Amino acid sequence: MSASVKMIRFLIFLSGILMILTYFIFINAEMKLIIVQSDWISNDLFFTLSSGAFASTLVVLLSEVRHYLKLKRNSKCCMYQQIENLLFL
């Protein structure tokens, strides 16, 4: 379970970085500070990519939290069963 906790901490950090990056790209698009317009890349593409990466890391984070809680509940049930078996021997 410690690996799950480390993964959750990493995903929280990564989603925070991506959220800040998405916010700065949005502010840049509104205030027109840096304008990137070419045939292949634009400001809207940067915003779409960063917000998509943020959303996907958020989904993975929620999935990892759910998996961690499920493991924790299962280990707690196994521990109670083992204690119950020891007491009734």
C-alpha atoms as a PDB file:
ATOM      1  CA  MET A   1       0.000   0.000   0.000  1.00  0.00           C
ATOM      2  CA  SER A   2       2.959   2.343   0.375  1.00  0.00           C
ATOM      3  CA  ALA A   3       3.414   2.240  -3.395  1.00  0.00           C
ATOM      4  CA  SER A   4      -0.185   3.420  -3.792  1.00  0.00           C
ATOM      5  CA  VAL A   5       0.437   6.295  -1.379  1.00  0.00           C
ATOM      6  CA  LYS A   6       3.554   7.328  -3.300  1.00  0.00           C
ATOM      7  CA  MET A   7       1.641   7.168  -6.584  1.00  0.00           C
ATOM      8  CA  ILE A   8      -1.201   9.249  -5.128  1.00  0.00           C
ATOM      9  CA  ARG A   9       1.257  11.897  -3.897  1.00  0.00           C
ATOM     10  CA  PHE A  10       2.956  11.996  -7.295  1.00  0.00           C
ATOM     11  CA  LEU A  11      -0.385  12.331  -9.090  1.00  0.00           C
ATOM     12  CA  ILE A  12      -1.473  15.135  -6.748  1.00  0.00           C
ATOM     13  CA  PHE A  13       1.769  16.968  -7.510  1.00  0.00           C
ATOM     14  CA  LEU A  14       1.466  16.355 -11.264  1.00  0.00           C
ATOM     15  CA  SER A  15      -2.188  17.406 -11.436  1.00  0.00           C
ATOM     16  CA  GLY A  16      -1.356  20.569  -9.461  1.00  0.00           C
ATOM     17  CA  ILE A  17       1.420  21.444 -11.912  1.00  0.00           C
ATOM     18  CA  LEU A  18      -0.865  20.784 -14.884  1.00  0.00           C
ATOM     19  CA  MET A  19      -3.676  22.828 -13.326  1.00  0.00           C
ATOM     20  CA  ILE A  20      -1.329  25.794 -12.850  1.00  0.00           C
ATOM     21  CA  LEU A  21      -0.018  25.393 -16.406  1.00  0.00           C
ATOM     22  CA  THR A  22      -3.568  25.284 -17.788  1.00  0.00           C
ATOM     23  CA  TYR A  23      -4.470  28.402 -15.804  1.00  0.00           C
ATOM     24  CA  PHE A  24      -1.455  30.318 -17.100  1.00  0.00           C
ATOM     25  CA  ILE A  25      -2.183  29.265 -20.686  1.00  0.00           C
ATOM     26  CA  PHE A  26      -5.792  30.413 -20.243  1.00  0.00           C
ATOM     27  CA  ILE A  27      -4.651  33.779 -18.844  1.00  0.00           C
ATOM     28  CA  ASN A  28      -2.204  34.074 -21.741  1.00  0.00           C
ATOM     29  CA  ALA A  29      -4.975  33.388 -24.238  1.00  0.00           C
ATOM     30  CA  GLU A  30      -7.224  36.025 -22.648  1.00  0.00           C
ATOM     31  CA  MET A  31      -4.615  38.760 -22.278  1.00  0.00           C
ATOM     32  CA  LYS A  32      -2.738  37.952 -25.521  1.00  0.00           C
ATOM     33  CA  LEU A  33       0.690  38.136 -23.847  1.00  0.00           C
ATOM     34  CA  ILE A  34       2.385  35.533 -26.033  1.00  0.00           C
ATOM     35  CA  ILE A  35       0.727  34.771 -29.344  1.00  0.00           C
ATOM     36  CA  VAL A  36       1.678  31.568 -31.093  1.00  0.00           C
ATOM     37  CA  GLN A  37      -0.014  31.300 -34.467  1.00  0.00           C
ATOM     38  CA  SER A  38       1.422  29.017 -37.078  1.00  0.00           C
ATOM     39  CA  ASP A  39       0.035  26.426 -39.446  1.00  0.00           C
ATOM     40  CA  TRP A  40       0.506  23.604 -36.926  1.00  0.00           C
ATOM     41  CA  ILE A  41       0.372  25.132 -33.426  1.00  0.00           C
ATOM     42  CA  SER A  42      -1.811  27.791 -31.832  1.00  0.00           C
ATOM     43  CA  ASN A  43      -2.654  29.033 -28.353  1.00  0.00           C
ATOM     44  CA  ASP A  44      -5.891  27.050 -28.434  1.00  0.00           C
ATOM     45  CA  LEU A  45      -3.968  23.846 -29.127  1.00  0.00           C
ATOM     46  CA  PHE A  46      -1.719  24.459 -26.102  1.00  0.00           C
ATOM     47  CA  PHE A  47      -4.777  25.074 -23.924  1.00  0.00           C
ATOM     48  CA  THR A  48      -6.505  21.944 -25.225  1.00  0.00           C
ATOM     49  CA  LEU A  49      -3.441  19.775 -24.625  1.00  0.00           C
ATOM     50  CA  SER A  50      -2.771  21.075 -21.121  1.00  0.00           C
ATOM     51  CA  SER A  51      -6.408  20.859 -20.015  1.00  0.00           C
ATOM     52  CA  GLY A  52      -6.681  17.349 -21.462  1.00  0.00           C
ATOM     53  CA  ALA A  53      -3.536  16.269 -19.598  1.00  0.00           C
ATOM     54  CA  PHE A  54      -4.913  17.801 -16.390  1.00  0.00           C
ATOM     55  CA  ALA A  55      -8.257  16.047 -16.782  1.00  0.00           C
ATOM     56  CA  SER A  56      -6.648  12.682 -17.485  1.00  0.00           C
ATOM     57  CA  THR A  57      -4.309  12.918 -14.491  1.00  0.00           C
ATOM     58  CA  LEU A  58      -7.291  13.851 -12.340  1.00  0.00           C
ATOM     59  CA  VAL A  59      -9.133  10.725 -13.512  1.00  0.00           C
ATOM     60  CA  VAL A  60      -6.071   8.566 -12.810  1.00  0.00           C
ATOM     61  CA  LEU A  61      -5.748  10.187  -9.369  1.00  0.00           C
ATOM     62  CA  LEU A  62      -9.355   9.384  -8.501  1.00  0.00           C
ATOM     63  CA  SER A  63      -8.873   5.830  -9.725  1.00  0.00           C
ATOM     64  CA  GLU A  64      -5.762   5.396  -7.560  1.00  0.00           C
ATOM     65  CA  VAL A  65      -7.546   6.798  -4.501  1.00  0.00           C
ATOM     66  CA  ARG A  66     -10.415   4.362  -5.080  1.00  0.00           C
ATOM     67  CA  HIS A  67      -7.951   1.477  -5.457  1.00  0.00           C
ATOM     68  CA  TYR A  68      -6.136   2.503  -2.264  1.00  0.00           C
ATOM     69  CA  LEU A  69      -9.359   2.685  -0.251  1.00  0.00           C
ATOM     70  CA  LYS A  70     -10.407  -0.710  -1.586  1.00  0.00           C
ATOM     71  CA  LEU A  71      -7.045  -2.243  -0.579  1.00  0.00           C
ATOM     72  CA  LYS A  72      -7.265  -0.634   2.836  1.00  0.00           C
ATOM     73  CA  ARG A  73     -10.774  -1.979   3.418  1.00  0.00           C
ATOM     74  CA  ASN A  74      -9.765  -5.478   2.274  1.00  0.00           C
ATOM     75  CA  SER A  75      -6.690  -5.542   4.500  1.00  0.00           C
ATOM     76  CA  LYS A  76      -8.773  -4.371   7.458  1.00  0.00           C
ATOM     77  CA  CYS A  77     -11.295  -7.177   6.841  1.00  0.00           C
ATOM     78  CA  CYS A  78      -8.496  -9.757   6.575  1.00  0.00           C
ATOM     79  CA  MET A  79      -6.968  -8.519   9.821  1.00  0.00           C
ATOM     80  CA  TYR A  80     -10.301  -8.779  11.639  1.00  0.00           C
ATOM     81  CA  GLN A  81     -10.807 -12.310  10.317  1.00  0.00           C
ATOM     82  CA  GLN A  82      -7.338 -13.345  11.479  1.00  0.00           C
ATOM     83  CA  ILE A  83      -7.953 -11.911  14.959  1.00  0.00           C
ATOM     84  CA  GLU A  84     -11.328 -13.623  15.072  1.00  0.00           C
ATOM     85  CA  ASN A  85      -9.742 -16.949  14.143  1.00  0.00           C
ATOM     86  CA  LEU A  86      -7.094 -16.539  16.841  1.00  0.00           C
ATOM     87  CA  LEU A  87      -9.642 -15.703  19.521  1.00  0.00           C
ATOM     88  CA  PHE A  88     -11.923 -18.643  18.768  1.00  0.00           C
ATOM     89  CA  LEU A  89      -9.254 -21.345  18.651  1.00  0.00           C
END
